[in-house]
N, C-alpha and C. Protein backbone atom coordinates (compact mmCIF):
# COMPACT_ATOMS: atom_id res chain seq x y z
N UNK A 1 0.84 -1.17 0.00
CA UNK A 1 0.00 0.00 0.00
C UNK A 1 0.89 1.24 0.00
N UNK A 2 0.61 2.19 -0.87
CA UNK A 2 1.37 3.43 -0.96
C UNK A 2 0.68 4.49 -0.12
N UNK A 3 1.47 5.13 0.73
CA UNK A 3 0.92 6.20 1.56
C UNK A 3 1.36 7.54 1.00
N UNK A 4 0.43 8.45 0.91
CA UNK A 4 0.75 9.79 0.46
C UNK A 4 1.26 10.57 1.66
N UNK A 5 2.45 11.18 1.55
CA UNK A 5 2.96 11.94 2.68
C UNK A 5 2.06 13.15 2.97
N UNK A 6 1.91 13.44 4.24
CA UNK A 6 1.11 14.59 4.66
C UNK A 6 1.97 15.84 4.54
N UNK A 7 1.46 16.85 3.83
CA UNK A 7 2.19 18.10 3.68
C UNK A 7 2.03 18.91 4.96
N UNK A 8 3.14 19.24 5.55
CA UNK A 8 3.11 20.09 6.73
C UNK A 8 3.03 21.54 6.31
N UNK A 9 2.34 22.33 7.09
CA UNK A 9 2.23 23.76 6.83
C UNK A 9 3.51 24.47 7.23
N UNK A 10 3.74 25.61 6.61
CA UNK A 10 4.81 26.48 7.08
C UNK A 10 4.19 27.43 8.11
N UNK A 11 5.03 28.08 8.88
CA UNK A 11 4.55 29.05 9.87
C UNK A 11 3.79 30.17 9.17
N UNK A 12 4.31 30.67 8.05
CA UNK A 12 3.62 31.74 7.32
C UNK A 12 2.24 31.30 6.84
N UNK A 13 2.13 30.06 6.35
CA UNK A 13 0.83 29.54 5.90
C UNK A 13 -0.14 29.45 7.09
N UNK A 14 0.36 29.01 8.23
CA UNK A 14 -0.48 28.92 9.42
C UNK A 14 -1.00 30.30 9.83
N UNK A 15 -0.10 31.29 9.85
CA UNK A 15 -0.49 32.63 10.31
C UNK A 15 -1.51 33.29 9.39
N UNK A 16 -1.62 32.82 8.16
CA UNK A 16 -2.62 33.37 7.23
C UNK A 16 -4.00 32.74 7.40
N UNK A 17 -4.07 31.67 8.17
CA UNK A 17 -5.34 30.97 8.39
C UNK A 17 -6.20 31.78 9.37
N UNK A 18 -7.53 31.63 9.28
CA UNK A 18 -8.38 32.33 10.25
C UNK A 18 -8.17 31.77 11.66
N UNK A 19 -8.33 32.63 12.64
CA UNK A 19 -8.22 32.20 14.04
C UNK A 19 -9.35 31.23 14.37
N UNK A 20 -9.08 30.35 15.31
CA UNK A 20 -10.08 29.39 15.76
C UNK A 20 -10.43 29.68 17.21
N UNK A 21 -11.57 29.16 17.64
CA UNK A 21 -11.97 29.26 19.04
C UNK A 21 -12.29 27.85 19.52
N UNK A 22 -11.60 27.32 20.52
CA UNK A 22 -10.44 27.94 21.15
C UNK A 22 -9.26 28.03 20.19
N UNK A 23 -8.26 28.77 20.60
CA UNK A 23 -7.10 29.07 19.75
C UNK A 23 -6.37 27.80 19.34
N UNK A 24 -5.74 27.87 18.17
CA UNK A 24 -4.86 26.80 17.70
C UNK A 24 -3.43 27.29 17.77
N UNK A 25 -2.52 26.36 18.00
CA UNK A 25 -1.10 26.68 18.05
C UNK A 25 -0.40 25.97 16.91
N UNK A 26 0.74 26.49 16.50
CA UNK A 26 1.53 25.91 15.43
C UNK A 26 2.83 25.39 16.04
N UNK A 27 2.96 24.07 16.07
CA UNK A 27 4.11 23.42 16.71
C UNK A 27 4.61 22.32 15.80
N UNK A 28 5.88 22.41 15.43
CA UNK A 28 6.53 21.38 14.59
C UNK A 28 5.75 21.10 13.31
N UNK A 29 5.28 22.16 12.66
CA UNK A 29 4.59 22.01 11.38
C UNK A 29 3.15 21.56 11.49
N UNK A 30 2.64 21.41 12.70
CA UNK A 30 1.27 20.92 12.90
C UNK A 30 0.42 21.96 13.62
N UNK A 31 -0.86 21.94 13.31
CA UNK A 31 -1.82 22.78 14.00
C UNK A 31 -2.42 21.97 15.14
N UNK A 32 -2.32 22.51 16.34
CA UNK A 32 -2.85 21.82 17.53
C UNK A 32 -3.81 22.79 18.21
N UNK A 33 -5.08 22.40 18.28
CA UNK A 33 -6.07 23.27 18.92
C UNK A 33 -6.04 23.06 20.43
N UNK A 34 -6.05 24.19 21.15
CA UNK A 34 -6.08 24.13 22.60
C UNK A 34 -7.46 23.66 23.06
N UNK A 35 -7.55 23.05 24.24
CA UNK A 35 -8.88 22.66 24.73
C UNK A 35 -9.69 23.88 25.16
N UNK A 36 -10.99 23.73 25.12
CA UNK A 36 -11.88 24.80 25.56
C UNK A 36 -11.74 24.95 27.06
N UNK A 37 -11.42 26.18 27.55
CA UNK A 37 -11.29 26.38 28.99
C UNK A 37 -12.60 26.08 29.70
N UNK A 38 -12.46 25.50 30.89
CA UNK A 38 -13.62 25.22 31.73
C UNK A 38 -13.58 26.12 32.96
N UNK A 39 -14.48 25.90 33.89
CA UNK A 39 -14.68 26.81 35.02
C UNK A 39 -13.45 27.11 35.84
N UNK A 40 -12.74 26.09 36.33
CA UNK A 40 -11.57 26.33 37.17
C UNK A 40 -10.49 27.06 36.39
N UNK A 41 -10.25 26.62 35.18
CA UNK A 41 -9.25 27.24 34.32
C UNK A 41 -9.57 28.71 34.10
N UNK A 42 -10.80 29.01 33.71
CA UNK A 42 -11.21 30.38 33.43
C UNK A 42 -11.13 31.27 34.66
N UNK A 43 -11.53 30.73 35.80
CA UNK A 43 -11.49 31.51 37.04
C UNK A 43 -10.07 31.91 37.38
N UNK A 44 -9.17 30.93 37.38
CA UNK A 44 -7.77 31.22 37.71
C UNK A 44 -7.17 32.17 36.68
N UNK A 45 -7.44 31.94 35.40
CA UNK A 45 -6.86 32.76 34.35
C UNK A 45 -7.28 34.22 34.47
N UNK A 46 -8.55 34.47 34.63
CA UNK A 46 -9.05 35.84 34.70
C UNK A 46 -8.56 36.55 35.96
N UNK A 47 -8.69 35.89 37.12
CA UNK A 47 -8.30 36.53 38.37
C UNK A 47 -6.79 36.75 38.46
N UNK A 48 -6.00 35.78 38.00
CA UNK A 48 -4.55 35.93 38.05
C UNK A 48 -4.08 37.05 37.12
N UNK A 49 -4.58 37.07 35.90
CA UNK A 49 -4.19 38.13 34.97
C UNK A 49 -4.56 39.50 35.50
N UNK A 50 -5.76 39.61 36.07
CA UNK A 50 -6.19 40.89 36.63
C UNK A 50 -5.30 41.31 37.80
N UNK A 51 -4.96 40.39 38.69
CA UNK A 51 -4.11 40.73 39.83
C UNK A 51 -2.70 41.13 39.40
N UNK A 52 -2.17 40.46 38.40
CA UNK A 52 -0.84 40.84 37.88
C UNK A 52 -0.91 42.26 37.32
N UNK A 53 -1.96 42.55 36.55
CA UNK A 53 -2.08 43.90 35.98
C UNK A 53 -2.30 44.96 37.05
N UNK A 54 -3.04 44.66 38.09
CA UNK A 54 -3.24 45.62 39.18
C UNK A 54 -1.91 45.96 39.84
N UNK A 55 -1.04 44.94 40.00
CA UNK A 55 0.24 45.15 40.67
C UNK A 55 1.29 45.79 39.77
N UNK A 56 1.29 45.51 38.48
CA UNK A 56 2.41 45.90 37.63
C UNK A 56 2.09 46.95 36.56
N UNK A 57 0.86 47.02 36.10
CA UNK A 57 0.53 47.92 34.99
C UNK A 57 0.55 49.40 35.36
N UNK A 58 0.00 49.83 36.50
CA UNK A 58 -0.02 51.27 36.78
C UNK A 58 1.36 51.93 36.82
N UNK A 59 2.38 51.17 37.22
CA UNK A 59 3.74 51.71 37.29
C UNK A 59 4.51 51.47 35.97
N UNK A 60 3.82 50.95 34.96
CA UNK A 60 4.44 50.64 33.66
C UNK A 60 5.62 49.69 33.80
N UNK A 61 5.44 48.69 34.66
CA UNK A 61 6.46 47.65 34.86
C UNK A 61 6.24 46.53 33.84
N UNK A 62 5.02 46.06 33.76
CA UNK A 62 4.68 44.95 32.86
C UNK A 62 3.17 44.90 32.69
N UNK A 63 2.76 44.07 31.72
CA UNK A 63 1.33 43.89 31.46
C UNK A 63 1.06 42.42 31.13
N UNK A 64 -0.02 41.90 31.70
CA UNK A 64 -0.43 40.52 31.46
C UNK A 64 -1.49 40.51 30.36
N UNK A 65 -1.35 39.55 29.44
CA UNK A 65 -2.29 39.37 28.35
C UNK A 65 -2.85 37.96 28.43
N UNK A 66 -4.14 37.84 28.20
CA UNK A 66 -4.81 36.54 28.21
C UNK A 66 -4.96 36.03 26.79
N UNK A 67 -4.55 34.75 26.57
CA UNK A 67 -4.74 34.10 25.27
C UNK A 67 -4.15 34.91 24.12
N UNK A 68 -2.94 35.42 24.29
CA UNK A 68 -2.27 36.23 23.28
C UNK A 68 -1.37 35.36 22.41
N UNK A 69 -1.53 35.44 21.10
CA UNK A 69 -0.68 34.68 20.19
C UNK A 69 0.73 35.28 20.22
N UNK A 70 1.72 34.41 20.48
CA UNK A 70 3.12 34.80 20.48
C UNK A 70 3.84 33.91 19.47
N UNK A 71 4.46 34.53 18.47
CA UNK A 71 5.10 33.79 17.39
C UNK A 71 6.60 34.06 17.43
N UNK A 72 7.36 33.00 17.68
CA UNK A 72 8.82 33.12 17.77
C UNK A 72 9.44 31.73 17.69
N UNK A 73 10.68 31.68 17.26
CA UNK A 73 11.39 30.41 17.22
C UNK A 73 10.69 29.34 16.41
N UNK A 74 10.10 29.68 15.29
CA UNK A 74 9.40 28.79 14.36
C UNK A 74 8.13 28.16 14.92
N UNK A 75 7.64 28.69 16.04
CA UNK A 75 6.36 28.22 16.60
C UNK A 75 5.45 29.42 16.84
N UNK A 76 4.17 29.14 16.91
CA UNK A 76 3.18 30.17 17.25
C UNK A 76 2.30 29.58 18.34
N UNK A 77 2.48 30.08 19.56
CA UNK A 77 1.78 29.53 20.71
C UNK A 77 0.88 30.58 21.33
N UNK A 78 -0.05 30.12 22.15
CA UNK A 78 -1.01 31.00 22.80
C UNK A 78 -1.03 30.65 24.29
N UNK A 79 -0.09 31.24 25.07
CA UNK A 79 -0.11 30.96 26.51
C UNK A 79 -1.42 31.44 27.14
N UNK A 80 -1.82 30.78 28.21
CA UNK A 80 -3.03 31.24 28.91
C UNK A 80 -2.84 32.67 29.40
N UNK A 81 -1.66 32.97 29.94
CA UNK A 81 -1.30 34.33 30.31
C UNK A 81 0.13 34.56 29.85
N UNK A 82 0.34 35.62 29.11
CA UNK A 82 1.68 36.03 28.68
C UNK A 82 1.95 37.40 29.29
N UNK A 83 3.04 37.52 30.04
CA UNK A 83 3.38 38.78 30.68
C UNK A 83 4.61 39.35 29.99
N UNK A 84 4.50 40.62 29.58
CA UNK A 84 5.60 41.32 28.92
C UNK A 84 5.99 42.53 29.74
N UNK A 85 7.31 42.72 29.90
CA UNK A 85 7.76 43.95 30.55
C UNK A 85 7.36 45.11 29.65
N UNK A 86 7.14 46.25 30.26
CA UNK A 86 6.56 47.40 29.57
C UNK A 86 7.34 47.78 28.31
N UNK A 87 8.67 47.81 28.42
CA UNK A 87 9.49 48.25 27.29
C UNK A 87 9.54 47.22 26.15
N UNK A 88 9.11 46.00 26.39
CA UNK A 88 9.12 44.96 25.35
C UNK A 88 7.76 44.79 24.67
N UNK A 89 6.74 45.50 25.11
CA UNK A 89 5.43 45.39 24.48
C UNK A 89 5.52 46.00 23.07
N UNK A 90 5.26 45.20 22.03
CA UNK A 90 5.33 45.75 20.66
C UNK A 90 4.30 46.87 20.46
N UNK A 91 4.73 47.90 19.78
CA UNK A 91 3.87 49.06 19.52
C UNK A 91 3.79 49.32 18.02
N UNK A 92 2.66 49.87 17.58
CA UNK A 92 2.51 50.24 16.18
C UNK A 92 3.07 51.64 15.97
N UNK A 93 2.94 52.15 14.75
CA UNK A 93 3.50 53.47 14.42
C UNK A 93 2.86 54.61 15.21
N UNK A 94 1.69 54.37 15.81
CA UNK A 94 1.00 55.39 16.63
C UNK A 94 1.30 55.24 18.12
N UNK A 95 2.17 54.28 18.46
CA UNK A 95 2.52 54.07 19.86
C UNK A 95 1.52 53.21 20.61
N UNK A 96 0.54 52.68 19.90
CA UNK A 96 -0.45 51.81 20.53
C UNK A 96 0.05 50.36 20.50
N UNK A 97 -0.51 49.52 21.37
CA UNK A 97 -0.13 48.12 21.41
C UNK A 97 -0.37 47.50 20.04
N UNK A 98 0.64 46.79 19.56
CA UNK A 98 0.57 46.12 18.26
C UNK A 98 -0.36 44.91 18.34
N UNK A 99 -0.90 44.51 17.21
CA UNK A 99 -1.69 43.28 17.16
C UNK A 99 -0.80 42.05 17.08
N UNK A 100 0.42 42.21 16.62
CA UNK A 100 1.33 41.09 16.42
C UNK A 100 2.43 41.10 17.46
N UNK A 101 2.58 39.97 18.15
CA UNK A 101 3.65 39.80 19.14
C UNK A 101 4.58 38.71 18.62
N UNK A 102 5.66 39.11 17.97
CA UNK A 102 6.61 38.17 17.37
C UNK A 102 7.81 37.99 18.29
N UNK A 103 7.54 37.72 19.55
CA UNK A 103 8.58 37.52 20.55
C UNK A 103 8.03 36.70 21.70
N UNK A 104 8.96 36.14 22.46
CA UNK A 104 8.58 35.33 23.63
C UNK A 104 8.18 36.25 24.77
N UNK A 105 7.22 35.84 25.59
CA UNK A 105 6.87 36.64 26.77
C UNK A 105 8.01 36.61 27.79
N UNK A 106 8.00 37.57 28.69
CA UNK A 106 8.97 37.58 29.78
C UNK A 106 8.60 36.55 30.85
N UNK A 107 7.30 36.29 30.95
CA UNK A 107 6.78 35.34 31.94
C UNK A 107 5.60 34.64 31.27
N UNK A 108 5.64 33.33 31.20
CA UNK A 108 4.55 32.58 30.59
C UNK A 108 3.84 31.77 31.67
N UNK A 109 2.52 31.78 31.61
CA UNK A 109 1.71 31.07 32.61
C UNK A 109 0.70 30.20 31.87
N UNK A 110 0.73 28.92 32.20
CA UNK A 110 -0.21 27.96 31.62
C UNK A 110 -1.04 27.36 32.75
N UNK A 111 -2.31 27.12 32.46
CA UNK A 111 -3.23 26.53 33.43
C UNK A 111 -3.72 25.23 32.81
N UNK A 112 -3.44 24.14 33.48
CA UNK A 112 -3.78 22.83 32.95
C UNK A 112 -5.29 22.63 32.95
N UNK A 113 -5.80 22.19 31.81
CA UNK A 113 -7.22 21.87 31.69
C UNK A 113 -7.40 20.36 31.81
N UNK A 114 -8.60 19.90 32.21
CA UNK A 114 -8.84 18.45 32.24
C UNK A 114 -8.57 17.85 30.86
N UNK A 115 -7.95 16.70 30.84
CA UNK A 115 -7.64 15.97 29.61
C UNK A 115 -6.62 16.66 28.70
N UNK A 116 -5.97 17.73 29.19
CA UNK A 116 -4.94 18.38 28.39
C UNK A 116 -3.60 17.68 28.63
N UNK A 117 -2.79 17.57 27.61
CA UNK A 117 -1.49 16.94 27.72
C UNK A 117 -0.53 17.84 28.49
N UNK A 118 -0.11 17.38 29.66
CA UNK A 118 0.86 18.15 30.44
C UNK A 118 2.18 18.24 29.67
N UNK A 119 2.52 17.20 28.93
CA UNK A 119 3.76 17.19 28.16
C UNK A 119 3.78 18.32 27.14
N UNK A 120 2.68 18.51 26.41
CA UNK A 120 2.59 19.58 25.42
C UNK A 120 2.75 20.95 26.06
N UNK A 121 2.11 21.13 27.19
CA UNK A 121 2.17 22.41 27.88
C UNK A 121 3.60 22.67 28.38
N UNK A 122 4.24 21.65 28.94
CA UNK A 122 5.62 21.80 29.42
C UNK A 122 6.54 22.13 28.25
N UNK A 123 6.34 21.49 27.11
CA UNK A 123 7.15 21.80 25.93
C UNK A 123 7.02 23.27 25.54
N UNK A 124 5.81 23.81 25.61
CA UNK A 124 5.61 25.22 25.28
C UNK A 124 6.36 26.11 26.28
N UNK A 125 6.30 25.77 27.56
CA UNK A 125 7.03 26.55 28.57
C UNK A 125 8.53 26.49 28.29
N UNK A 126 9.05 25.30 28.01
CA UNK A 126 10.49 25.16 27.73
C UNK A 126 10.88 25.90 26.46
N UNK A 127 10.00 25.90 25.46
CA UNK A 127 10.26 26.67 24.23
C UNK A 127 10.40 28.16 24.57
N UNK A 128 9.51 28.65 25.41
CA UNK A 128 9.60 30.05 25.84
C UNK A 128 10.92 30.32 26.56
N UNK A 129 11.29 29.45 27.48
CA UNK A 129 12.54 29.64 28.24
C UNK A 129 13.75 29.64 27.31
N UNK A 130 13.73 28.80 26.30
CA UNK A 130 14.83 28.75 25.33
C UNK A 130 14.96 30.07 24.57
N UNK A 131 13.85 30.79 24.44
CA UNK A 131 13.84 32.03 23.67
C UNK A 131 13.78 33.29 24.55
N UNK A 132 14.24 33.18 25.78
CA UNK A 132 14.42 34.37 26.61
C UNK A 132 13.39 34.62 27.69
N UNK A 133 12.37 33.79 27.80
CA UNK A 133 11.40 33.96 28.88
C UNK A 133 12.10 33.74 30.22
N UNK A 134 11.80 34.59 31.18
CA UNK A 134 12.48 34.53 32.47
C UNK A 134 11.93 33.45 33.39
N UNK A 135 10.63 33.18 33.28
CA UNK A 135 10.00 32.21 34.18
C UNK A 135 8.73 31.68 33.56
N UNK A 136 8.41 30.43 33.89
CA UNK A 136 7.15 29.83 33.46
C UNK A 136 6.45 29.19 34.64
N UNK A 137 5.15 29.32 34.67
CA UNK A 137 4.33 28.64 35.67
C UNK A 137 3.42 27.66 34.95
N UNK A 138 3.26 26.49 35.55
CA UNK A 138 2.25 25.53 35.12
C UNK A 138 1.35 25.30 36.33
N UNK A 139 0.13 25.81 36.23
CA UNK A 139 -0.83 25.74 37.33
C UNK A 139 -1.74 24.55 37.09
N UNK A 140 -1.88 23.70 38.11
CA UNK A 140 -2.78 22.57 38.04
C UNK A 140 -3.91 22.78 39.04
N UNK A 141 -5.08 23.27 38.59
CA UNK A 141 -6.19 23.55 39.50
C UNK A 141 -6.73 22.30 40.20
N UNK A 142 -6.68 21.15 39.54
CA UNK A 142 -7.21 19.93 40.16
C UNK A 142 -6.35 19.49 41.34
N UNK A 143 -5.04 19.55 41.19
CA UNK A 143 -4.11 19.14 42.24
C UNK A 143 -3.78 20.28 43.20
N UNK A 144 -4.18 21.50 42.82
CA UNK A 144 -3.90 22.72 43.58
C UNK A 144 -2.40 22.85 43.86
N UNK A 145 -1.65 22.85 42.76
CA UNK A 145 -0.21 23.05 42.86
C UNK A 145 0.28 23.81 41.64
N UNK A 146 1.50 24.35 41.77
CA UNK A 146 2.10 25.11 40.68
C UNK A 146 3.53 24.62 40.50
N UNK A 147 3.86 24.25 39.27
CA UNK A 147 5.25 23.97 38.90
C UNK A 147 5.83 25.29 38.40
N UNK A 148 6.98 25.67 38.94
CA UNK A 148 7.65 26.89 38.50
C UNK A 148 8.92 26.50 37.77
N UNK A 149 9.03 26.98 36.54
CA UNK A 149 10.18 26.73 35.68
C UNK A 149 11.01 28.00 35.63
N UNK A 150 12.25 27.91 36.09
CA UNK A 150 13.15 29.05 36.09
C UNK A 150 13.96 29.06 34.79
N UNK A 151 14.52 30.20 34.43
CA UNK A 151 15.25 30.31 33.16
C UNK A 151 16.46 29.38 33.09
N UNK A 152 16.99 28.97 34.24
CA UNK A 152 18.11 28.02 34.23
C UNK A 152 17.63 26.58 34.18
N UNK A 153 16.31 26.40 33.93
CA UNK A 153 15.66 25.10 33.78
C UNK A 153 15.45 24.35 35.09
N UNK A 154 15.74 24.98 36.22
CA UNK A 154 15.41 24.37 37.49
C UNK A 154 13.89 24.41 37.64
N UNK A 155 13.32 23.34 38.17
CA UNK A 155 11.87 23.27 38.36
C UNK A 155 11.60 23.07 39.85
N UNK A 156 10.64 23.80 40.37
CA UNK A 156 10.19 23.62 41.75
C UNK A 156 8.68 23.48 41.75
N UNK A 157 8.18 22.74 42.73
CA UNK A 157 6.73 22.58 42.86
C UNK A 157 6.30 23.25 44.16
N UNK A 158 5.17 23.96 44.10
CA UNK A 158 4.61 24.66 45.25
C UNK A 158 3.19 24.15 45.45
N UNK A 159 2.91 23.66 46.68
CA UNK A 159 1.59 23.07 46.92
C UNK A 159 1.06 23.31 48.32
N UNK A 160 1.83 23.94 49.19
CA UNK A 160 1.38 24.24 50.55
C UNK A 160 0.75 25.63 50.53
N UNK A 161 -0.40 25.77 51.18
CA UNK A 161 -1.17 27.01 51.11
C UNK A 161 -0.33 28.24 51.43
N UNK A 162 0.61 28.13 52.36
CA UNK A 162 1.41 29.29 52.75
C UNK A 162 2.61 29.54 51.83
N UNK A 163 2.87 28.63 50.88
CA UNK A 163 3.98 28.81 49.94
C UNK A 163 3.77 30.08 49.12
N UNK A 164 4.76 30.97 49.17
CA UNK A 164 4.72 32.16 48.33
C UNK A 164 5.34 31.81 46.98
N UNK A 165 4.63 32.09 45.93
CA UNK A 165 5.10 31.75 44.59
C UNK A 165 6.19 32.70 44.13
N UNK A 166 7.30 32.15 43.60
CA UNK A 166 8.33 33.03 43.06
C UNK A 166 7.84 33.69 41.77
N UNK A 167 8.34 34.87 41.51
CA UNK A 167 8.00 35.63 40.31
C UNK A 167 9.30 36.11 39.67
N UNK A 168 9.26 36.51 38.41
CA UNK A 168 10.46 37.09 37.80
C UNK A 168 10.87 38.37 38.55
N UNK A 169 12.14 38.75 38.42
CA UNK A 169 12.65 39.93 39.15
C UNK A 169 11.83 41.18 38.88
N UNK A 170 11.39 41.38 37.65
CA UNK A 170 10.65 42.61 37.33
C UNK A 170 9.30 42.66 38.04
N UNK A 171 8.80 41.51 38.50
CA UNK A 171 7.46 41.43 39.10
C UNK A 171 7.49 41.30 40.62
N UNK A 172 8.59 41.69 41.25
CA UNK A 172 8.73 41.49 42.70
C UNK A 172 7.63 42.15 43.52
N UNK A 173 6.98 43.17 42.99
CA UNK A 173 5.90 43.82 43.75
C UNK A 173 4.61 43.00 43.73
N UNK A 174 4.56 41.95 42.90
CA UNK A 174 3.41 41.07 42.85
C UNK A 174 3.64 39.90 43.80
N UNK A 175 2.78 39.75 44.78
CA UNK A 175 2.93 38.70 45.79
C UNK A 175 1.69 37.82 45.80
N UNK A 176 1.92 36.50 45.81
CA UNK A 176 0.81 35.57 45.76
C UNK A 176 1.23 34.26 46.41
N UNK A 177 0.35 33.72 47.25
CA UNK A 177 0.60 32.40 47.84
C UNK A 177 -0.29 31.37 47.14
N UNK A 178 0.06 30.11 47.33
CA UNK A 178 -0.76 29.02 46.80
C UNK A 178 -2.18 29.13 47.36
N UNK A 179 -2.31 29.41 48.64
CA UNK A 179 -3.63 29.54 49.25
C UNK A 179 -4.46 30.63 48.62
N UNK A 180 -3.83 31.80 48.36
CA UNK A 180 -4.56 32.89 47.71
C UNK A 180 -4.98 32.50 46.29
N UNK A 181 -4.06 31.90 45.55
CA UNK A 181 -4.34 31.51 44.17
C UNK A 181 -5.56 30.59 44.08
N UNK A 182 -5.57 29.55 44.90
CA UNK A 182 -6.66 28.59 44.78
C UNK A 182 -7.89 28.98 45.58
N UNK A 183 -7.81 30.03 46.40
CA UNK A 183 -9.01 30.52 47.09
C UNK A 183 -10.00 31.11 46.10
N UNK A 184 -9.49 31.57 44.94
CA UNK A 184 -10.39 32.12 43.91
C UNK A 184 -11.40 31.09 43.44
N UNK A 185 -11.09 29.81 43.57
CA UNK A 185 -12.01 28.76 43.15
C UNK A 185 -13.20 28.59 44.10
N UNK A 186 -13.09 29.19 45.29
CA UNK A 186 -14.17 29.10 46.28
C UNK A 186 -15.00 30.36 46.35
N UNK A 187 -14.61 31.38 45.61
CA UNK A 187 -15.32 32.67 45.69
C UNK A 187 -16.55 32.69 44.80
């Protein structure tokens, strides 16, 4: 039996395709659609992004973006939360935030959804770290723990309510414990 080889898309071909809901990512020549966020995922994503922006945006330190397409290093990924330091936020000719972010975030945050491949999510975090991201978080709402990936590839797990989560140096004014993070699920 003769098999016809599957033609892989190029990154440029992928970027010309219409956006999907939920978002699709381009990894190793393949289109991979993210799972539809559910209640725990959405709650953590919205509250965490808002709290980061409350702490960092008014002083023009950094800004958190939800479900923002970031295209770099031959991949196009959509972290649940992508945080960019103020001076790295792409701007258009009018000084407004650009629609295209062709760079890695300074801090990438992923929230594991039920039935989502943890391996795929970890690969995206490692891809970000390889391209200059300072820190990555992988939040698991079901287990109520957070894996923190540092730029030197050291990984730590935080799961005790009083554990204060480490943040990148630019975000030191943002403070959050495991207990605070997962208390949002009870509100």
